[in-house]
Protein backbone atom coordinates (compact mmCIF):
# COMPACT_ATOMS: atom_id res chain seq x y z
CA GLN A 1 -9.81 -45.55 -1.91
CA VAL A 2 -10.76 -41.92 -1.37
CA GLN A 3 -8.65 -39.40 -3.24
CA LEU A 4 -8.80 -35.61 -3.33
CA ASP A 5 -6.60 -33.86 -5.88
CA GLU A 6 -6.11 -30.10 -5.71
CA SER A 7 -4.88 -28.07 -8.66
CA GLY A 8 -4.72 -24.49 -9.84
CA GLY A 9 -2.20 -23.05 -7.44
CA GLY A 10 0.61 -20.81 -8.55
CA LEU A 11 2.23 -17.42 -8.29
CA VAL A 12 0.10 -14.32 -8.65
CA GLN A 13 0.54 -10.63 -7.94
CA ALA A 14 -1.39 -8.94 -5.16
CA GLY A 15 -4.84 -7.97 -6.35
CA GLY A 16 -4.98 -10.87 -8.77
CA SER A 17 -7.13 -13.97 -8.87
CA LEU A 18 -6.76 -17.72 -8.91
CA ARG A 19 -9.20 -20.57 -9.03
CA LEU A 20 -8.38 -23.77 -7.25
CA SER A 21 -10.01 -27.06 -8.11
CA CYS A 22 -10.35 -30.22 -6.09
CA ALA A 23 -11.37 -33.39 -7.87
CA ALA A 24 -12.63 -36.21 -5.67
CA SER A 25 -12.94 -39.94 -6.24
CA GLY A 26 -13.83 -42.96 -4.16
CA LEU A 27 -16.62 -41.35 -2.15
CA PRO A 28 -20.27 -40.35 -2.72
CA PHE A 29 -19.26 -36.77 -3.43
CA SER A 30 -22.73 -35.25 -3.53
CA THR A 31 -23.42 -36.30 0.07
CA TYR A 32 -20.28 -34.75 1.56
CA THR A 33 -19.51 -31.33 2.93
CA LEU A 34 -16.41 -30.01 1.19
CA GLY A 35 -14.06 -27.56 2.78
CA TRP A 36 -10.94 -25.56 2.01
CA PHE A 37 -8.13 -24.97 4.47
CA ARG A 38 -4.72 -23.38 4.22
CA GLN A 39 -1.41 -23.46 5.99
CA ALA A 40 1.15 -20.70 5.77
CA PRO A 41 4.82 -21.26 6.63
CA GLY A 42 5.30 -21.43 10.37
CA LYS A 43 1.58 -21.30 11.08
CA GLU A 44 -1.12 -23.81 11.92
CA ARG A 45 -3.57 -24.96 9.30
CA GLU A 46 -6.63 -22.73 9.27
CA PHE A 47 -10.17 -22.95 7.98
CA VAL A 48 -10.94 -21.00 4.78
CA GLY A 49 -14.49 -22.04 3.93
CA ARG A 50 -16.87 -24.89 3.37
CA SER A 51 -19.91 -25.85 1.34
CA ASN A 52 -22.67 -28.22 2.31
CA TRP A 53 -23.61 -31.10 0.03
CA ASN A 54 -25.59 -29.08 -2.50
CA GLY A 55 -23.84 -25.73 -2.22
CA ALA A 56 -26.83 -24.03 -0.62
CA THR A 57 -25.00 -23.29 2.64
CA LYS A 58 -21.50 -21.89 2.75
CA TYR A 59 -19.31 -20.47 5.47
CA TYR A 60 -16.11 -18.50 5.17
CA ALA A 61 -13.38 -17.33 7.47
CA ASP A 62 -13.57 -13.62 8.21
CA SER A 63 -10.20 -13.13 6.55
CA VAL A 64 -11.51 -14.24 3.15
CA GLU A 65 -15.19 -13.29 3.33
CA GLY A 66 -16.15 -11.28 0.28
CA ARG A 67 -12.98 -12.21 -1.62
CA PHE A 68 -13.17 -16.01 -1.87
CA THR A 69 -16.06 -18.07 -3.20
CA ILE A 70 -16.62 -21.80 -2.97
CA SER A 71 -18.63 -23.62 -5.58
CA ARG A 72 -19.13 -27.25 -6.40
CA ASP A 73 -20.14 -29.35 -9.37
CA ASN A 74 -21.52 -32.62 -8.05
CA ALA A 75 -21.77 -34.03 -11.55
CA ARG A 76 -18.01 -33.64 -11.92
CA ASN A 77 -17.14 -34.53 -8.30
CA THR A 78 -15.27 -31.24 -8.08
CA VAL A 79 -15.21 -28.33 -5.68
CA TYR A 80 -13.71 -24.96 -6.53
CA LEU A 81 -12.25 -22.05 -4.62
CA GLN A 82 -12.34 -18.78 -6.53
CA MET A 83 -9.90 -16.37 -4.93
CA ASP A 84 -10.08 -12.69 -5.86
CA SER A 85 -8.30 -9.61 -4.57
CA LEU A 86 -5.48 -11.79 -3.35
CA GLU A 87 -3.12 -10.43 -0.72
CA PRO A 88 0.38 -11.54 0.27
CA GLU A 89 -1.16 -12.81 3.50
CA ASP A 90 -3.06 -15.39 1.44
CA THR A 91 0.20 -17.14 0.61
CA ALA A 92 -0.14 -20.73 1.83
CA VAL A 93 -0.61 -24.32 0.85
CA TYR A 94 -4.31 -24.81 0.21
CA TYR A 95 -6.03 -28.09 0.99
CA CYS A 96 -9.45 -29.42 0.25
CA ALA A 97 -11.14 -31.81 2.64
CA ALA A 98 -14.33 -33.85 2.85
CA SER A 99 -16.66 -34.34 5.78
CA TYR A 100 -19.74 -36.48 6.22
CA GLY A 101 -22.48 -36.17 8.78
CA GLY A 102 -20.79 -33.59 10.95
CA ASN A 103 -18.02 -35.99 11.88
CA GLY A 104 -15.16 -33.73 10.99
CA PHE A 105 -13.03 -33.57 7.88
CA ARG A 106 -11.83 -37.11 7.44
CA TYR A 107 -10.36 -36.99 3.94
CA TRP A 108 -7.70 -34.55 2.81
CA GLY A 109 -5.88 -33.71 -0.37
CA GLN A 110 -2.15 -33.18 -0.68
CA GLY A 111 -2.42 -29.44 -1.12
CA THR A 112 -1.52 -26.88 -3.75
CA GLN A 113 0.79 -23.92 -3.24
CA VAL A 114 -0.50 -20.39 -3.66
CA THR A 115 2.01 -17.55 -3.56
CA VAL A 116 0.94 -13.93 -3.72
CA SER A 117 3.65 -11.39 -4.43
CA LEU A 118 3.64 -7.64 -3.91
């Protein structure tokens, strides 16, 4: 059974930082693309960024480019999202997801809440 468990969310002031973690089990982690998404209240879920299997290729949404960084530790089956210079607009539930072979993100975590206050 595939499981993705996010952690590290919380309340932070604008300008602050948080690091989210996503621990995976039940899949060959090092062969999967891992992505981060978020969903704010009343809005659709949106793409934040993704990393290919070895971390050599990463893409980010324009809204987070230069502030957020994805990294992964394949030995620990964990992907991270370092979030700096946080803004109130970053408030959302953050999800990690796994994709294999360009077939879309099939596996999803339950999400972790990030709240950025003024």
